[in-house]
């Protein structure tokens, strides 16, 4: 699953979309809550979650195939 951004917690710093190695946040604008434009480009490496200064503003869920193999 792509990153899920909580607009109430996000401070629109832009660190997540600058850090993302894919084009997940393509077209996001400075000082606005980032938009997940291409969710299928998410590599699930959590770089956006780790660089975010607000705990809980971005959540990254494991994709379903990874969850099934874990069980």
Protein backbone atom coordinates (compact mmCIF):
# COMPACT_ATOMS: atom_id res chain seq x y z
CA UNK A 1 0.00 0.00 0.00
CA UNK A 2 1.19 3.51 -0.64
CA UNK A 3 1.97 5.98 2.12
CA UNK A 4 -1.06 7.41 3.85
CA UNK A 5 -0.68 11.02 4.98
CA UNK A 6 -2.78 12.40 7.80
CA UNK A 7 -3.57 15.98 6.69
CA UNK A 8 -4.30 17.04 10.26
CA UNK A 9 -0.84 16.01 11.49
CA UNK A 10 1.17 16.94 8.38
CA UNK A 11 3.00 20.26 8.67
CA UNK A 12 3.61 20.43 4.88
CA UNK A 13 7.40 20.61 5.24
CA UNK A 14 7.94 18.67 1.99
CA UNK A 15 10.70 16.44 3.36
CA UNK A 16 8.82 13.27 2.42
CA UNK A 17 8.40 14.04 -1.27
CA UNK A 18 11.97 15.31 -1.58
CA UNK A 19 13.33 12.14 0.06
CA UNK A 20 11.19 9.63 -1.88
CA UNK A 21 13.28 7.66 -4.42
CA UNK A 22 10.22 6.98 -6.59
CA UNK A 23 7.63 9.29 -8.10
CA UNK A 24 5.03 8.58 -5.46
CA UNK A 25 4.53 12.26 -4.58
CA UNK A 26 4.87 13.63 -8.14
CA UNK A 27 3.35 17.09 -8.50
CA UNK A 28 3.31 17.91 -4.79
CA UNK A 29 3.56 21.63 -4.11
CA UNK A 30 5.73 23.34 -1.49
CA UNK A 31 3.96 24.24 1.75
CA UNK A 32 0.95 22.02 0.93
CA UNK A 33 0.10 18.54 2.13
CA UNK A 34 1.80 16.12 -0.30
CA UNK A 35 -0.34 14.22 -2.78
CA UNK A 36 0.19 10.50 -3.42
CA UNK A 37 0.03 10.66 -7.22
CA UNK A 38 1.59 7.33 -8.20
CA UNK A 39 0.98 4.86 -5.36
CA UNK A 40 2.19 1.92 -7.47
CA UNK A 41 5.70 3.47 -7.53
CA UNK A 42 6.13 3.04 -3.76
CA UNK A 43 9.16 0.83 -3.01
CA UNK A 44 8.15 0.41 0.65
CA UNK A 45 11.51 1.43 2.04
CA UNK A 46 9.96 3.89 4.52
CA UNK A 47 12.28 6.79 3.69
CA UNK A 48 9.33 9.20 3.78
CA UNK A 49 8.27 7.92 7.21
CA UNK A 50 11.80 8.17 8.65
CA UNK A 51 12.43 11.72 7.41
CA UNK A 52 9.06 13.09 8.58
CA UNK A 53 9.48 15.35 11.64
CA UNK A 54 5.93 14.69 12.90
CA UNK A 55 5.43 11.20 14.36
CA UNK A 56 2.37 9.51 12.90
CA UNK A 57 1.82 11.96 10.03
CA UNK A 58 2.77 9.30 7.45
CA UNK A 59 1.85 5.66 7.75
CA UNK A 60 3.16 3.00 5.42
CA UNK A 61 1.38 -0.31 5.31
CA UNK A 62 2.96 -3.46 3.93
CA UNK A 63 1.54 -4.60 0.59
CA UNK A 64 -0.85 -7.55 0.69
CA UNK A 65 1.54 -10.09 -0.90
CA UNK A 66 4.09 -9.31 1.81
CA UNK A 67 1.46 -9.69 4.53
CA UNK A 68 0.31 -13.07 3.18
CA UNK A 69 3.85 -14.45 2.99
CA UNK A 70 4.49 -13.29 6.56
CA UNK A 71 1.55 -15.26 7.94
